[in-house]
N, C-alpha and C. Protein backbone atom coordinates (compact mmCIF):
# COMPACT_ATOMS: atom_id res chain seq x y z
N UNK A 1 -9.48 -10.55 -3.34
CA UNK A 1 -8.95 -9.29 -3.71
C UNK A 1 -9.49 -8.13 -3.04
N UNK A 2 -8.63 -7.49 -2.18
CA UNK A 2 -9.07 -6.22 -1.43
C UNK A 2 -8.76 -5.04 -2.23
N UNK A 3 -9.79 -4.19 -2.41
CA UNK A 3 -9.31 -2.82 -2.99
C UNK A 3 -9.25 -1.73 -1.72
N UNK A 4 -8.16 -1.16 -1.89
CA UNK A 4 -7.68 0.05 -1.09
C UNK A 4 -7.61 1.19 -1.73
N UNK A 5 -8.09 2.41 -1.15
CA UNK A 5 -7.88 3.59 -1.73
C UNK A 5 -7.17 4.60 -0.71
N UNK A 6 -6.09 5.30 -1.29
CA UNK A 6 -5.16 6.11 -0.34
C UNK A 6 -5.97 7.44 -0.50
N UNK A 7 -6.10 7.92 0.87
CA UNK A 7 -6.69 9.30 1.11
C UNK A 7 -5.69 10.09 2.07
N UNK A 8 -5.76 11.42 1.60
CA UNK A 8 -5.19 12.32 2.76
C UNK A 8 -6.32 12.78 3.67
N UNK A 9 -5.83 13.84 4.40
CA UNK A 9 -7.03 14.38 5.14
C UNK A 9 -8.09 15.48 4.46
N UNK A 10 -7.68 15.89 3.33
CA UNK A 10 -8.47 16.77 2.81
C UNK A 10 -9.81 16.08 2.24
N UNK A 11 -10.96 16.79 2.55
CA UNK A 11 -12.27 16.36 2.23
C UNK A 11 -12.43 14.59 2.80
N UNK A 12 -11.85 14.44 3.98
CA UNK A 12 -11.75 13.13 4.53
C UNK A 12 -13.03 12.72 4.49
N UNK A 13 -13.95 13.13 5.45
CA UNK A 13 -15.03 12.69 5.53
C UNK A 13 -15.98 12.39 4.25
N UNK A 14 -15.97 13.15 3.25
CA UNK A 14 -16.62 13.26 2.23
C UNK A 14 -16.16 11.96 1.20
N UNK A 15 -14.76 11.74 1.26
CA UNK A 15 -14.03 10.69 0.26
C UNK A 15 -14.21 9.31 1.18
N UNK A 16 -14.51 9.44 2.32
CA UNK A 16 -14.44 8.13 3.12
C UNK A 16 -15.94 7.67 2.90
N UNK A 17 -17.14 8.52 2.92
CA UNK A 17 -18.26 8.20 2.68
C UNK A 17 -18.54 7.52 1.38
N UNK A 18 -17.66 8.03 0.02
CA UNK A 18 -17.76 7.78 -1.11
C UNK A 18 -17.14 6.24 -1.35
N UNK A 19 -16.09 6.02 -0.55
CA UNK A 19 -15.48 4.71 -0.65
C UNK A 19 -16.14 3.72 -0.09
N UNK A 20 -16.91 4.12 1.09
CA UNK A 20 -17.79 2.96 1.71
C UNK A 20 -19.03 2.68 0.66
N UNK A 21 -19.40 3.67 0.16
CA UNK A 21 -20.52 3.50 -1.03
C UNK A 21 -20.17 2.61 -2.08
N UNK A 22 -19.04 2.97 -2.56
CA UNK A 22 -18.51 2.36 -3.94
C UNK A 22 -18.15 0.98 -3.83
N UNK A 23 -17.79 0.41 -2.53
CA UNK A 23 -17.23 -0.73 -2.45
C UNK A 23 -15.82 -1.13 -1.95
N UNK A 24 -15.16 0.10 -1.48
CA UNK A 24 -13.67 -0.07 -1.13
C UNK A 24 -13.87 -1.03 0.20
N UNK A 25 -12.52 -1.76 0.35
CA UNK A 25 -12.46 -2.60 1.46
C UNK A 25 -11.52 -1.99 2.56
N UNK A 26 -10.54 -1.10 2.05
CA UNK A 26 -9.61 -0.68 3.04
C UNK A 26 -9.19 0.74 2.52
N UNK A 27 -8.86 1.51 3.51
CA UNK A 27 -8.68 2.78 3.40
C UNK A 27 -7.20 3.04 3.65
N UNK A 28 -6.19 3.51 2.78
CA UNK A 28 -4.87 3.91 2.96
C UNK A 28 -4.53 5.21 3.50
N UNK A 29 -4.44 5.45 4.87
CA UNK A 29 -4.25 6.71 5.38
C UNK A 29 -2.81 7.29 4.93
N UNK A 30 -2.58 8.20 3.82
CA UNK A 30 -1.53 8.62 3.42
C UNK A 30 -0.84 9.89 4.16
N UNK A 31 -0.55 9.62 5.51
CA UNK A 31 -0.19 10.85 6.32
C UNK A 31 0.72 11.61 5.91
N UNK A 32 1.67 11.26 4.99
CA UNK A 32 2.82 12.05 4.56
C UNK A 32 1.99 13.01 3.68
N UNK A 33 0.71 12.80 3.14
CA UNK A 33 -0.13 14.09 2.39
C UNK A 33 -1.14 14.79 3.28
N UNK A 34 -1.10 14.50 4.48
CA UNK A 34 -1.78 15.12 5.31
C UNK A 34 -1.33 16.57 5.69
N UNK A 35 -2.35 17.33 5.76
CA UNK A 35 -2.06 18.68 6.25
C UNK A 35 -1.74 18.87 7.61
N UNK A 36 -2.38 18.02 8.63
CA UNK A 36 -2.25 18.09 9.86
C UNK A 36 -1.85 16.53 10.43
N UNK A 37 -0.56 16.23 10.10
CA UNK A 37 0.30 14.82 10.33
C UNK A 37 0.41 14.77 11.92
N UNK A 38 -0.50 15.04 12.86
CA UNK A 38 -0.15 14.88 14.23
C UNK A 38 -0.78 13.47 14.60
N UNK A 39 -0.37 12.54 15.37
CA UNK A 39 -0.84 11.39 15.77
C UNK A 39 -2.09 11.36 16.22
N UNK A 40 -2.71 12.38 17.01
CA UNK A 40 -4.00 12.76 17.19
C UNK A 40 -5.11 12.47 16.11
N UNK A 41 -4.98 13.44 15.21
CA UNK A 41 -5.81 13.66 13.85
C UNK A 41 -5.77 12.31 13.32
N UNK A 42 -4.57 11.58 13.16
CA UNK A 42 -4.40 10.39 12.52
C UNK A 42 -5.15 9.16 13.08
N UNK A 43 -5.25 9.19 14.48
CA UNK A 43 -5.96 8.10 15.22
C UNK A 43 -7.42 8.33 14.99
N UNK A 44 -7.94 9.54 14.95
CA UNK A 44 -9.20 9.96 14.72
C UNK A 44 -9.79 9.45 13.36
N UNK A 45 -8.90 9.63 12.29
CA UNK A 45 -8.93 8.99 10.75
C UNK A 45 -9.07 7.63 10.96
N UNK A 46 -8.14 6.82 11.69
CA UNK A 46 -8.36 5.45 11.73
C UNK A 46 -9.72 5.01 12.34
N UNK A 47 -9.91 5.67 13.41
CA UNK A 47 -11.29 5.35 14.09
C UNK A 47 -12.52 5.57 13.10
N UNK A 48 -12.45 6.54 12.46
CA UNK A 48 -13.57 6.49 11.43
C UNK A 48 -13.63 5.48 10.51
N UNK A 49 -12.61 5.28 9.77
CA UNK A 49 -12.80 4.23 8.65
C UNK A 49 -13.02 2.91 9.23
N UNK A 50 -12.63 2.58 10.34
CA UNK A 50 -12.90 1.27 10.93
C UNK A 50 -14.39 1.27 11.50
N UNK A 51 -15.02 2.36 11.84
CA UNK A 51 -16.38 2.44 12.39
C UNK A 51 -17.36 2.24 10.95
N UNK A 52 -16.74 2.47 9.78
CA UNK A 52 -17.41 2.22 8.46
C UNK A 52 -17.22 0.88 8.33
N UNK A 53 -16.47 -0.11 9.03
CA UNK A 53 -16.49 -1.26 8.64
C UNK A 53 -15.40 -1.79 7.59
N UNK A 54 -14.37 -0.83 7.43
CA UNK A 54 -13.30 -0.96 6.64
C UNK A 54 -11.99 -1.14 7.30
N UNK A 55 -10.98 -1.68 6.58
CA UNK A 55 -9.58 -1.83 7.36
C UNK A 55 -8.73 -0.44 6.93
N UNK A 56 -7.67 -0.48 7.74
CA UNK A 56 -6.80 0.82 7.51
C UNK A 56 -5.53 0.43 7.01
N UNK A 57 -4.82 0.94 6.49
CA UNK A 57 -3.28 1.01 6.02
C UNK A 57 -2.81 2.24 6.54
N UNK A 58 -1.74 2.29 7.56
CA UNK A 58 -1.09 3.27 7.90
C UNK A 58 0.04 3.34 7.05
N UNK A 59 0.29 4.61 6.31
CA UNK A 59 1.40 4.74 5.54
C UNK A 59 2.04 6.16 5.81
N UNK A 60 3.19 6.29 6.06
CA UNK A 60 3.96 7.70 6.23
C UNK A 60 4.99 7.69 5.16
N UNK A 61 4.84 7.83 3.72
CA UNK A 61 5.60 7.35 2.89
C UNK A 61 6.88 8.39 3.00
N UNK A 62 8.17 7.45 2.82
CA UNK A 62 9.32 8.55 2.73
C UNK A 62 9.55 9.04 1.63
N UNK A 63 10.23 10.33 1.69
CA UNK A 63 10.69 11.06 0.54
C UNK A 63 11.29 10.38 -0.69
N UNK A 64 12.15 9.42 -0.12
CA UNK A 64 13.01 8.83 -1.22
C UNK A 64 12.25 7.78 -2.16
N UNK A 65 10.89 7.56 -1.42
CA UNK A 65 10.04 6.68 -2.32
C UNK A 65 8.66 7.30 -2.68
N UNK A 66 8.75 8.50 -3.08
CA UNK A 66 7.51 9.23 -3.49
C UNK A 66 6.56 9.94 -2.69
N UNK A 67 7.05 10.06 -1.20
CA UNK A 67 6.13 10.63 -0.31
C UNK A 67 7.05 12.18 -0.01
N UNK A 68 6.39 12.66 1.11
CA UNK A 68 6.78 14.09 1.68
C UNK A 68 7.58 13.96 2.79
N UNK A 69 8.32 15.01 3.26
CA UNK A 69 8.92 14.85 4.50
C UNK A 69 8.12 14.89 5.53
N UNK A 70 7.99 14.18 6.50
CA UNK A 70 6.99 14.30 7.76
C UNK A 70 8.07 14.29 9.02
N UNK A 71 8.48 15.56 9.81
CA UNK A 71 9.48 15.26 10.73
C UNK A 71 8.97 14.39 11.80
N UNK A 72 7.80 14.25 12.32
CA UNK A 72 7.41 13.25 13.41
C UNK A 72 7.05 11.95 13.05
N UNK A 73 7.94 11.39 11.99
CA UNK A 73 7.39 10.33 11.13
C UNK A 73 7.40 9.08 12.11
N UNK A 74 8.46 8.91 12.90
CA UNK A 74 8.44 7.66 13.84
C UNK A 74 7.43 7.62 15.09
N UNK A 75 7.40 9.03 15.17
CA UNK A 75 6.16 9.25 16.46
C UNK A 75 4.95 8.59 16.08
N UNK A 76 4.48 9.04 14.91
CA UNK A 76 3.20 8.65 14.26
C UNK A 76 3.13 7.13 14.05
N UNK A 77 4.18 6.58 13.80
CA UNK A 77 4.13 5.19 13.64
C UNK A 77 4.16 4.56 15.07
N UNK A 78 4.74 4.88 16.02
CA UNK A 78 4.57 4.35 17.39
C UNK A 78 3.35 4.60 17.93
N UNK A 79 2.72 5.91 17.78
CA UNK A 79 1.57 6.13 18.44
C UNK A 79 0.36 5.33 17.53
N UNK A 80 0.27 5.17 16.30
CA UNK A 80 -0.93 4.94 15.55
C UNK A 80 -0.80 3.41 14.97
N UNK A 81 0.40 2.80 14.76
CA UNK A 81 0.45 1.37 14.13
C UNK A 81 -0.30 0.32 15.33
N UNK A 82 -0.34 0.65 16.40
CA UNK A 82 -1.22 -0.32 17.34
C UNK A 82 -2.46 -0.52 16.97
N UNK A 83 -3.24 0.68 16.37
CA UNK A 83 -4.64 0.62 16.04
C UNK A 83 -4.89 0.40 14.73
N UNK A 84 -3.84 0.51 13.48
CA UNK A 84 -4.11 0.34 12.09
C UNK A 84 -4.11 -1.12 12.05
N UNK A 85 -4.97 -1.78 10.99
CA UNK A 85 -4.91 -2.99 10.68
C UNK A 85 -3.73 -3.49 9.93
N UNK A 86 -3.22 -2.63 8.77
CA UNK A 86 -2.04 -2.82 8.27
C UNK A 86 -1.13 -1.47 8.57
N UNK A 87 0.32 -1.64 8.56
CA UNK A 87 1.15 -0.56 8.64
C UNK A 87 2.11 -0.66 7.46
N UNK A 88 2.36 0.15 6.59
CA UNK A 88 3.28 0.25 5.56
C UNK A 88 4.43 0.92 5.64
N UNK A 89 5.78 0.34 5.72
CA UNK A 89 7.07 1.08 5.75
C UNK A 89 7.86 0.50 4.86
N UNK A 90 8.77 1.34 4.45
CA UNK A 90 9.65 0.83 3.12
C UNK A 90 10.85 0.10 3.60
N UNK A 91 11.35 -0.78 2.82
CA UNK A 91 12.46 -1.65 3.00
C UNK A 91 13.77 -0.84 3.12
N UNK A 92 13.78 0.32 2.48
CA UNK A 92 14.91 1.53 2.55
C UNK A 92 14.93 2.08 3.83
N UNK A 93 13.82 2.11 4.67
CA UNK A 93 13.74 2.93 5.88
C UNK A 93 14.30 2.41 7.02
N UNK A 94 15.72 1.92 6.85
CA UNK A 94 16.37 1.25 7.63
C UNK A 94 16.52 1.95 9.14
N UNK A 95 16.45 3.19 9.07
CA UNK A 95 16.66 3.97 10.49
C UNK A 95 15.54 3.74 11.35
N UNK A 96 14.23 3.17 10.80
CA UNK A 96 13.07 3.07 11.77
C UNK A 96 12.28 1.72 11.55
N UNK A 97 12.75 0.97 10.56
CA UNK A 97 12.14 -0.31 10.43
C UNK A 97 12.00 -1.17 11.41
N UNK A 98 13.11 -1.28 12.31
CA UNK A 98 12.85 -2.39 13.28
C UNK A 98 11.76 -1.99 14.54
N UNK A 99 11.82 -0.66 14.68
CA UNK A 99 10.97 0.04 15.68
C UNK A 99 9.67 0.02 15.05
N UNK A 100 9.05 0.13 13.92
CA UNK A 100 7.88 -0.04 13.51
C UNK A 100 7.38 -1.50 13.30
N UNK A 101 8.47 -2.48 12.95
CA UNK A 101 8.04 -3.72 12.93
C UNK A 101 7.75 -4.09 14.37
N UNK A 102 8.51 -3.99 15.39
CA UNK A 102 8.15 -4.49 16.55
C UNK A 102 6.88 -3.95 17.40
N UNK A 103 6.61 -2.62 16.89
CA UNK A 103 5.28 -1.93 17.23
C UNK A 103 4.31 -2.80 16.68
N UNK A 104 4.24 -2.98 15.33
CA UNK A 104 3.16 -3.70 14.77
C UNK A 104 3.02 -5.00 15.14
N UNK A 105 4.13 -5.55 15.39
CA UNK A 105 3.95 -7.10 15.90
C UNK A 105 3.34 -7.33 17.39
N UNK A 106 3.85 -6.44 18.37
CA UNK A 106 3.37 -6.64 19.46
C UNK A 106 2.02 -6.11 19.61
N UNK A 107 1.26 -5.61 18.64
CA UNK A 107 -0.18 -5.12 18.66
C UNK A 107 -0.95 -6.18 17.89
N UNK A 108 -0.26 -7.23 17.52
CA UNK A 108 -0.97 -8.21 16.52
C UNK A 108 -1.62 -7.73 15.28
N UNK A 109 -0.91 -6.76 14.78
CA UNK A 109 -1.51 -6.21 13.42
C UNK A 109 -0.52 -6.81 12.38
N UNK A 110 -0.59 -6.28 11.00
CA UNK A 110 0.01 -6.87 10.16
C UNK A 110 0.89 -5.98 9.39
N UNK A 111 2.29 -6.26 9.27
CA UNK A 111 3.31 -5.43 8.74
C UNK A 111 3.59 -5.51 6.98
N UNK A 112 3.33 -4.43 6.54
CA UNK A 112 3.65 -4.43 5.03
C UNK A 112 5.05 -3.70 4.97
N UNK A 113 5.97 -4.20 4.37
CA UNK A 113 7.41 -3.81 3.77
C UNK A 113 7.16 -3.59 2.35
N UNK A 114 7.57 -2.50 2.03
CA UNK A 114 7.35 -1.93 0.55
C UNK A 114 8.50 -1.70 -0.16
N UNK A 115 8.53 -1.65 -1.41
CA UNK A 115 9.68 -0.93 -2.25
C UNK A 115 9.02 -0.55 -3.39
N UNK A 116 9.51 0.74 -3.73
CA UNK A 116 8.91 1.35 -4.95
C UNK A 116 10.09 1.86 -5.94
N UNK A 117 9.80 1.65 -7.26
CA UNK A 117 10.80 2.01 -8.11
C UNK A 117 9.98 2.77 -9.28
N UNK A 118 10.07 4.32 -9.39
CA UNK A 118 9.27 4.72 -10.35
C UNK A 118 9.81 5.11 -11.87
N UNK A 119 11.00 4.40 -11.90
CA UNK A 119 11.72 4.35 -13.20
C UNK A 119 11.55 3.07 -14.13
N UNK A 120 11.97 2.34 -13.30
CA UNK A 120 11.94 0.84 -14.03
C UNK A 120 11.53 -0.32 -13.48
N UNK A 121 11.74 -1.70 -13.94
CA UNK A 121 11.25 -2.80 -13.39
C UNK A 121 12.74 -3.74 -13.19
N UNK A 122 13.18 -3.77 -12.14
CA UNK A 122 14.62 -4.31 -11.90
C UNK A 122 14.67 -5.91 -12.27
N UNK A 123 15.67 -6.27 -12.51
CA UNK A 123 15.99 -7.80 -13.10
C UNK A 123 15.06 -8.84 -12.06
N UNK A 124 14.73 -9.84 -12.48
CA UNK A 124 14.03 -10.85 -11.72
C UNK A 124 14.51 -11.04 -10.64
N UNK A 125 15.93 -11.19 -10.70
CA UNK A 125 16.80 -11.71 -9.51
C UNK A 125 16.81 -10.73 -8.22
N UNK A 126 16.64 -9.30 -8.82
CA UNK A 126 16.60 -8.24 -7.64
C UNK A 126 15.28 -8.33 -7.09
N UNK A 127 14.05 -8.58 -7.89
CA UNK A 127 12.94 -8.73 -7.52
C UNK A 127 12.72 -9.97 -6.07
N UNK A 128 13.40 -10.95 -6.59
CA UNK A 128 13.33 -12.33 -5.53
C UNK A 128 14.24 -11.56 -4.45
N UNK A 129 15.16 -10.93 -4.52
CA UNK A 129 15.98 -10.49 -3.34
C UNK A 129 15.24 -9.51 -2.47
N UNK A 130 14.53 -8.63 -3.07
CA UNK A 130 13.75 -7.88 -2.37
C UNK A 130 12.58 -8.63 -1.49
N UNK A 131 12.06 -9.71 -1.88
CA UNK A 131 11.18 -10.48 -1.15
C UNK A 131 12.05 -11.25 -0.07
N UNK A 132 12.95 -11.86 -0.38
CA UNK A 132 13.84 -12.51 0.68
C UNK A 132 14.01 -11.38 1.73
N UNK A 133 14.75 -10.43 1.41
CA UNK A 133 15.24 -9.24 2.47
C UNK A 133 13.95 -8.96 3.43
N UNK A 134 12.77 -8.61 2.59
CA UNK A 134 11.71 -8.13 3.35
C UNK A 134 11.03 -9.21 4.27
N UNK A 135 11.13 -10.42 3.82
CA UNK A 135 10.43 -11.34 4.81
C UNK A 135 11.35 -11.60 6.02
N UNK A 136 13.09 -11.45 5.58
CA UNK A 136 13.76 -11.65 6.64
C UNK A 136 13.61 -10.55 7.91
N UNK A 137 13.05 -9.36 7.29
CA UNK A 137 12.62 -8.11 8.35
C UNK A 137 11.46 -8.29 8.84
N UNK A 138 10.66 -9.52 8.61
CA UNK A 138 9.61 -9.55 9.64
C UNK A 138 8.20 -9.14 8.51
N UNK A 139 8.22 -9.13 7.23
CA UNK A 139 7.03 -8.61 6.71
C UNK A 139 5.99 -9.69 6.79
N UNK A 140 4.77 -9.35 6.86
CA UNK A 140 3.68 -10.26 6.86
C UNK A 140 3.12 -10.11 5.31
N UNK A 141 3.41 -8.99 4.74
CA UNK A 141 2.85 -8.75 3.26
C UNK A 141 4.20 -8.00 2.83
N UNK A 142 4.65 -8.22 1.57
CA UNK A 142 5.47 -7.51 0.74
C UNK A 142 5.04 -6.95 -0.26
N UNK A 143 5.23 -5.61 -0.30
CA UNK A 143 4.52 -4.83 -1.65
C UNK A 143 5.87 -4.55 -2.45
N UNK A 144 5.59 -4.66 -3.50
CA UNK A 144 6.43 -4.33 -4.76
C UNK A 144 6.08 -3.62 -5.77
N UNK A 145 6.30 -2.15 -5.90
CA UNK A 145 5.76 -1.62 -6.83
C UNK A 145 6.69 -0.89 -7.81
N UNK A 146 6.65 -1.15 -8.96
CA UNK A 146 7.69 -0.77 -9.97
C UNK A 146 7.11 -0.29 -11.34
N UNK A 147 7.79 0.46 -11.95
CA UNK A 147 7.33 1.16 -13.26
C UNK A 147 7.54 0.02 -14.26
N UNK A 148 6.49 -0.03 -15.09
CA UNK A 148 6.66 -0.93 -16.05
C UNK A 148 6.68 -0.36 -17.64
N UNK A 149 7.92 -0.50 -18.26
CA UNK A 149 8.07 0.04 -19.48
C UNK A 149 7.58 -0.85 -20.71
N UNK A 150 6.97 -2.05 -20.15
CA UNK A 150 6.74 -2.90 -21.22
C UNK A 150 5.94 -3.79 -20.76
N UNK A 151 5.04 -4.78 -21.57
CA UNK A 151 4.33 -5.93 -21.05
C UNK A 151 5.32 -6.83 -20.32
N UNK A 152 6.54 -6.86 -20.85
CA UNK A 152 7.39 -7.99 -20.41
C UNK A 152 7.70 -7.79 -19.22
N UNK A 153 7.94 -6.19 -18.71
CA UNK A 153 8.05 -6.04 -17.43
C UNK A 153 6.94 -6.19 -16.44
N UNK A 154 5.79 -6.34 -16.89
CA UNK A 154 4.80 -7.03 -16.04
C UNK A 154 4.80 -8.34 -15.79
N UNK A 155 5.13 -9.05 -16.79
CA UNK A 155 5.37 -10.52 -16.69
C UNK A 155 6.16 -10.82 -15.87
N UNK A 156 7.52 -10.09 -15.81
CA UNK A 156 8.61 -10.40 -14.91
C UNK A 156 8.58 -10.13 -13.56
N UNK A 157 7.56 -9.11 -13.31
CA UNK A 157 7.35 -8.81 -11.80
C UNK A 157 6.31 -9.84 -11.23
N UNK A 158 5.32 -10.49 -12.00
CA UNK A 158 4.39 -11.30 -11.61
C UNK A 158 5.06 -12.73 -11.56
N UNK A 159 5.89 -13.13 -12.64
CA UNK A 159 6.57 -14.25 -12.35
C UNK A 159 7.40 -14.48 -11.30
N UNK A 160 8.44 -13.53 -11.01
CA UNK A 160 9.58 -13.65 -10.06
C UNK A 160 8.93 -13.46 -8.74
N UNK A 161 7.93 -12.91 -8.61
CA UNK A 161 7.21 -12.76 -7.25
C UNK A 161 6.32 -14.08 -6.88
N UNK A 162 6.17 -14.73 -7.86
CA UNK A 162 5.08 -16.10 -7.60
C UNK A 162 6.20 -16.99 -6.76
N UNK A 163 7.24 -16.70 -6.87
CA UNK A 163 8.23 -17.87 -6.07
C UNK A 163 8.28 -17.67 -4.51
N UNK A 164 7.70 -16.48 -4.26
CA UNK A 164 7.43 -16.11 -2.80
C UNK A 164 5.87 -16.71 -2.60
N UNK A 165 5.75 -17.47 -1.57
CA UNK A 165 4.41 -18.33 -1.24
C UNK A 165 3.47 -17.36 -0.29
N UNK A 166 3.96 -16.45 0.34
CA UNK A 166 3.28 -15.41 1.14
C UNK A 166 2.31 -14.55 0.78
N UNK A 167 1.62 -13.68 1.45
CA UNK A 167 0.81 -12.59 0.97
C UNK A 167 1.71 -11.61 0.45
N UNK A 168 1.11 -10.81 -0.56
CA UNK A 168 1.98 -10.00 -1.24
C UNK A 168 0.78 -8.78 -2.05
N UNK A 169 1.60 -7.56 -2.39
CA UNK A 169 0.90 -6.65 -3.07
C UNK A 169 1.90 -6.44 -4.17
N UNK A 170 1.27 -6.70 -5.58
CA UNK A 170 2.01 -6.55 -6.79
C UNK A 170 1.75 -5.29 -7.61
N UNK A 171 2.35 -4.20 -7.93
CA UNK A 171 1.74 -3.00 -8.62
C UNK A 171 2.85 -2.91 -9.70
N UNK A 172 2.50 -3.29 -10.95
CA UNK A 172 3.28 -2.34 -12.26
C UNK A 172 2.83 -1.20 -12.68
N UNK A 173 3.47 -0.30 -12.05
CA UNK A 173 2.88 1.35 -12.39
C UNK A 173 3.03 1.69 -14.02
N UNK A 174 2.11 2.42 -14.23
CA UNK A 174 2.16 3.17 -15.74
C UNK A 174 1.07 2.58 -16.68
N UNK A 175 0.85 2.77 -17.63
CA UNK A 175 0.06 2.23 -18.61
C UNK A 175 0.22 0.74 -19.18
N UNK A 176 1.28 0.28 -19.13
CA UNK A 176 1.41 -1.02 -19.54
C UNK A 176 1.25 -1.71 -18.11
N UNK A 177 1.32 -1.31 -17.13
CA UNK A 177 1.11 -2.14 -15.74
C UNK A 177 -0.13 -1.98 -15.30
N UNK A 178 -1.23 -1.37 -15.90
CA UNK A 178 -2.55 -1.32 -15.41
C UNK A 178 -3.23 -2.91 -15.35
N UNK A 179 -2.95 -3.67 -16.19
CA UNK A 179 -3.32 -5.12 -16.17
C UNK A 179 -2.87 -5.71 -14.81
N UNK A 180 -1.72 -5.43 -14.31
CA UNK A 180 -1.32 -6.02 -13.07
C UNK A 180 -2.16 -5.85 -11.75
N UNK A 181 -3.06 -4.55 -11.76
CA UNK A 181 -3.91 -4.33 -10.84
C UNK A 181 -4.97 -5.11 -10.65
N UNK A 182 -5.32 -5.96 -11.80
CA UNK A 182 -6.30 -6.93 -11.67
C UNK A 182 -5.79 -8.38 -11.62
N UNK A 183 -4.76 -8.56 -12.44
CA UNK A 183 -4.46 -10.18 -12.67
C UNK A 183 -3.53 -10.45 -11.49
N UNK A 184 -2.74 -9.24 -10.92
CA UNK A 184 -2.05 -9.89 -9.56
C UNK A 184 -2.62 -10.75 -8.64
N UNK A 185 -3.87 -10.85 -8.50
CA UNK A 185 -4.80 -11.61 -7.70
C UNK A 185 -4.38 -13.11 -7.97
N UNK A 186 -4.11 -13.49 -9.37
CA UNK A 186 -3.96 -14.77 -9.75
C UNK A 186 -2.46 -15.18 -9.00
N UNK A 187 -1.52 -14.20 -8.74
CA UNK A 187 -0.28 -14.42 -8.19
C UNK A 187 -0.01 -14.28 -6.84
N UNK A 188 -1.32 -14.19 -5.91
CA UNK A 188 -1.23 -14.20 -4.72
C UNK A 188 -1.11 -12.51 -4.25
N UNK A 189 -1.51 -11.54 -5.11
CA UNK A 189 -1.30 -10.22 -4.59
C UNK A 189 -2.93 -10.03 -4.15
N UNK A 190 -2.88 -9.69 -2.66
CA UNK A 190 -3.95 -9.53 -2.05
C UNK A 190 -4.71 -8.08 -1.95
N UNK A 191 -3.93 -7.10 -2.56
CA UNK A 191 -4.51 -5.90 -2.19
C UNK A 191 -4.29 -5.16 -3.62
N UNK A 192 -5.24 -4.26 -4.34
CA UNK A 192 -5.14 -3.58 -5.24
C UNK A 192 -5.43 -2.22 -4.69
N UNK A 193 -4.88 -1.09 -5.39
CA UNK A 193 -4.99 0.17 -4.90
C UNK A 193 -5.85 0.94 -6.20
N UNK A 194 -6.75 1.66 -5.83
CA UNK A 194 -7.78 2.54 -6.50
C UNK A 194 -7.59 3.91 -6.10
N UNK A 195 -8.29 4.81 -6.97
CA UNK A 195 -8.15 6.32 -6.38
C UNK A 195 -9.53 7.05 -6.41
N UNK A 196 -9.71 7.89 -5.53
CA UNK A 196 -10.94 8.60 -5.61
C UNK A 196 -10.35 9.91 -6.03
N UNK A 197 -10.92 10.96 -6.71
CA UNK A 197 -10.38 11.99 -7.05
C UNK A 197 -9.10 11.99 -7.95
N UNK A 198 -7.91 12.23 -7.56
CA UNK A 198 -6.78 12.24 -8.45
C UNK A 198 -5.93 11.07 -8.24
N UNK A 199 -5.48 10.23 -9.08
CA UNK A 199 -4.75 9.18 -8.66
C UNK A 199 -3.33 9.73 -8.17
N UNK A 200 -2.92 8.71 -7.49
CA UNK A 200 -1.38 9.21 -6.42
C UNK A 200 -0.46 8.23 -7.07
N UNK A 201 -0.65 7.50 -8.11
CA UNK A 201 0.51 6.68 -8.70
C UNK A 201 0.04 6.49 -10.28
N UNK A 202 1.04 6.43 -10.97
CA UNK A 202 0.80 6.26 -12.49
C UNK A 202 -0.14 4.75 -12.89
N UNK A 203 -1.14 5.02 -13.70
CA UNK A 203 -1.81 3.67 -13.89
C UNK A 203 -2.85 3.10 -13.07
N UNK A 204 -2.89 3.81 -11.96
CA UNK A 204 -4.07 3.79 -11.10
C UNK A 204 -5.45 3.65 -11.62
N UNK A 205 -6.23 2.77 -11.16
CA UNK A 205 -7.87 3.07 -11.88
C UNK A 205 -8.45 3.53 -10.70
N UNK A 206 -9.74 3.92 -11.24
CA UNK A 206 -10.55 4.68 -10.13
C UNK A 206 -11.49 3.39 -9.49
N UNK A 207 -11.66 3.79 -8.51
CA UNK A 207 -12.28 2.87 -7.50
C UNK A 207 -13.48 2.24 -8.28
N UNK A 208 -14.26 3.02 -8.87
CA UNK A 208 -15.54 2.54 -9.42
C UNK A 208 -15.11 1.65 -10.43
N UNK A 209 -14.27 1.71 -11.25
CA UNK A 209 -13.65 0.98 -12.26
C UNK A 209 -13.13 -0.60 -11.70
N UNK A 210 -12.32 -0.29 -10.83
CA UNK A 210 -11.65 -1.48 -10.25
C UNK A 210 -12.88 -2.23 -9.39
N UNK A 211 -13.81 -1.87 -8.81
CA UNK A 211 -15.05 -2.59 -8.31
C UNK A 211 -15.73 -3.41 -9.18
N UNK A 212 -15.72 -2.56 -10.58
CA UNK A 212 -16.70 -3.29 -11.65
C UNK A 212 -15.86 -4.39 -12.25
N UNK A 213 -14.55 -4.14 -12.32
CA UNK A 213 -13.84 -5.41 -12.97
C UNK A 213 -13.66 -6.49 -11.93
N UNK A 214 -13.58 -6.15 -10.87
CA UNK A 214 -13.53 -7.21 -9.65
C UNK A 214 -14.80 -8.12 -9.69
N UNK A 215 -15.87 -7.25 -9.79
CA UNK A 215 -17.22 -7.97 -9.94
C UNK A 215 -17.28 -8.70 -11.03
N UNK A 216 -16.65 -8.53 -12.09
CA UNK A 216 -16.92 -9.33 -13.16
C UNK A 216 -15.95 -10.50 -13.32
N UNK A 217 -14.65 -10.47 -12.83
CA UNK A 217 -13.75 -11.49 -12.84
C UNK A 217 -13.61 -12.52 -11.68
N UNK A 218 -13.84 -12.09 -10.57
CA UNK A 218 -13.75 -12.66 -9.21
C UNK A 218 -15.06 -12.80 -8.48
């Protein structure tokens, strides 16, 4: 299980050093939260992370799935995806998904196709369909992040997703879903997200908490 930490460009060097010190494996560059979201600045951030021996996830989250509007979103993906270990684009971003996919694949990097639902956990058949569609679009990893309103929702996400045999990222958001950030590993979820400073999603664990839990269990 890899531990990823989302960062903006605010206090980037300080937070990156903390991530390295505390045992993070991956830095997610949340470019939609950057004060300076130009490709040159993003490339510098990618290089800094990789020099520290960590991997990068390039994310420019769309407004409809919890991000902020970035006017040059496609430009960032085209310029920076060839250098990032992973690139995350939403299944719902049909206007640019194929271009991002082709850019990532041509560079030999990994594509994460993601789905987010901040209100509820969909029925199991919908979760299975998300996986089917994301794989058909070329996903190396499928990320499904949904709001769990009960422990039954957590079980639904994990069990429905287990039918997909590829690499994935499973997140049940909220207090009920905290357990998913650890036990998802048993269901082939390969990345779990932690926070430094302030959480960027409901139910996230701090980097220090998640590193400690991983060391105890895995």
